[in-house]
Amino acid sequence: MEPLQNIPQLLPLSPISGSSKPGQDSGAPGAEGGLAFGDLLKQALQEVNQASAQAEDEARNLMTGESADMHTAMLAVQKADLSFQMMMAVRSKLIDAYREVMRMQM
């Protein structure tokens, strides 16, 4: 089993066009059929939760003897750990950005 085949494909990036005028809101949710920022965060949290649940299932199967494949269990645990660390890093960056915006003087 290829370990990288289960990694979801990233959403394709749309090219930046210079056709929008300064007064237009080109970043509106769904303006070009893309997902809203909140939906992207929700989807990412669901994927982290799913990776964690899969790691728990693999570890439980290994401990109960239902599975003897330690390699798959360790990969699932490492994937869940890495996903959680990434989620926490994104959370920290979002909090830092919020604090920076709140410090701005209007």
Protein backbone atom coordinates (compact mmCIF):
# COMPACT_ATOMS: atom_id res chain seq x y z
CA MET A 1 0.00 0.00 0.00
CA GLU A 2 1.37 3.37 -1.04
CA PRO A 3 1.44 5.63 2.09
CA LEU A 4 0.97 8.82 0.08
CA GLN A 5 -2.10 7.67 -1.82
CA ASN A 6 -4.44 8.47 1.07
CA ILE A 7 -3.42 12.11 1.31
CA PRO A 8 -6.29 14.20 -0.09
CA GLN A 9 -5.50 16.31 -3.13
CA LEU A 10 -5.24 20.04 -2.52
CA LEU A 11 -7.81 22.31 -4.07
CA PRO A 12 -6.44 23.82 -7.28
CA LEU A 13 -5.38 27.42 -6.95
CA SER A 14 -7.17 29.92 -9.11
CA PRO A 15 -4.99 32.44 -10.95
CA ILE A 16 -4.97 36.01 -9.73
CA SER A 17 -6.54 38.25 -12.29
CA GLY A 18 -5.96 41.96 -12.46
CA SER A 19 -9.45 42.61 -13.79
CA SER A 20 -11.05 43.48 -10.45
CA LYS A 21 -11.33 47.12 -9.53
CA PRO A 22 -10.36 48.39 -6.06
CA GLY A 23 -14.00 48.86 -5.00
CA GLN A 24 -15.14 45.38 -6.00
CA ASP A 25 -15.34 42.51 -3.56
CA SER A 26 -13.75 39.67 -5.53
CA GLY A 27 -13.06 37.64 -2.36
CA ALA A 28 -16.73 36.98 -1.57
CA PRO A 29 -17.57 33.39 -0.63
CA GLY A 30 -18.69 31.48 -3.66
CA ALA A 31 -17.76 34.30 -6.06
CA GLU A 32 -15.91 31.86 -8.30
CA GLY A 33 -17.49 28.67 -7.04
CA GLY A 34 -14.90 28.18 -4.28
CA LEU A 35 -15.49 27.31 -0.64
CA ALA A 36 -15.84 29.95 2.03
CA PHE A 37 -13.01 30.25 4.55
CA GLY A 38 -15.18 28.93 7.38
CA ASP A 39 -16.15 25.92 5.28
CA LEU A 40 -12.48 25.19 4.56
CA LEU A 41 -11.70 25.29 8.28
CA LYS A 42 -14.66 23.06 9.08
CA GLN A 43 -13.57 20.56 6.43
CA ALA A 44 -10.00 20.56 7.76
CA LEU A 45 -11.24 19.92 11.32
CA GLN A 46 -13.38 17.04 10.10
CA GLU A 47 -10.38 15.51 8.33
CA VAL A 48 -8.27 15.81 11.50
CA ASN A 49 -11.07 14.22 13.51
CA GLN A 50 -11.39 11.41 10.96
CA ALA A 51 -7.62 10.75 11.05
CA SER A 52 -7.75 10.61 14.85
CA ALA A 53 -10.68 8.18 14.84
CA GLN A 54 -8.92 5.96 12.29
CA ALA A 55 -5.76 5.95 14.44
CA GLU A 56 -7.80 4.97 17.49
CA ASP A 57 -9.46 2.14 15.55
CA GLU A 58 -6.13 0.85 14.21
CA ALA A 59 -4.55 0.98 17.69
CA ARG A 60 -7.56 -0.78 19.23
CA ASN A 61 -7.46 -3.48 16.55
CA LEU A 62 -3.76 -3.99 17.19
CA MET A 63 -4.23 -4.24 20.96
CA THR A 64 -7.19 -6.63 20.76
CA GLY A 65 -5.44 -8.87 18.25
CA GLU A 66 -7.91 -8.26 15.43
CA SER A 67 -4.99 -7.00 13.36
CA ALA A 68 -1.33 -7.93 13.46
CA ASP A 69 -0.24 -5.13 11.12
CA MET A 70 1.71 -2.79 13.37
CA HIS A 71 2.99 -0.81 10.39
CA THR A 72 -0.51 0.35 9.39
CA ALA A 73 -1.36 1.25 12.98
CA MET A 74 1.81 3.29 13.41
CA LEU A 75 1.22 5.12 10.12
CA ALA A 76 -2.33 5.97 11.18
CA VAL A 77 -1.13 7.28 14.56
CA GLN A 78 1.63 9.35 12.97
CA LYS A 79 -0.78 10.77 10.39
CA ALA A 80 -3.23 11.74 13.13
CA ASP A 81 -0.45 13.33 15.18
CA LEU A 82 0.86 15.32 12.24
CA SER A 83 -2.66 16.44 11.32
CA PHE A 84 -3.28 17.60 14.88
CA GLN A 85 0.02 19.49 15.02
CA MET A 86 -0.80 21.22 11.74
CA MET A 87 -4.26 22.14 13.02
CA MET A 88 -2.75 23.64 16.17
CA ALA A 89 -0.22 25.64 14.12
CA VAL A 90 -3.02 27.04 11.94
CA ARG A 91 -5.02 27.86 15.07
CA SER A 92 -2.06 29.73 16.56
CA LYS A 93 -1.54 31.70 13.35
CA LEU A 94 -5.24 32.62 13.23
CA ILE A 95 -5.15 33.83 16.82
CA ASP A 96 -2.00 35.86 16.14
CA ALA A 97 -3.62 37.41 13.05
CA TYR A 98 -6.76 38.26 15.05
CA ARG A 99 -4.70 39.91 17.78
CA GLU A 100 -2.75 41.88 15.17
CA VAL A 101 -5.96 43.13 13.57
CA MET A 102 -7.35 44.09 16.97
CA ARG A 103 -4.19 46.12 17.71
CA MET A 104 -4.59 48.16 14.51
CA GLN A 105 -5.76 51.69 15.01
CA MET A 106 -8.63 52.84 12.87
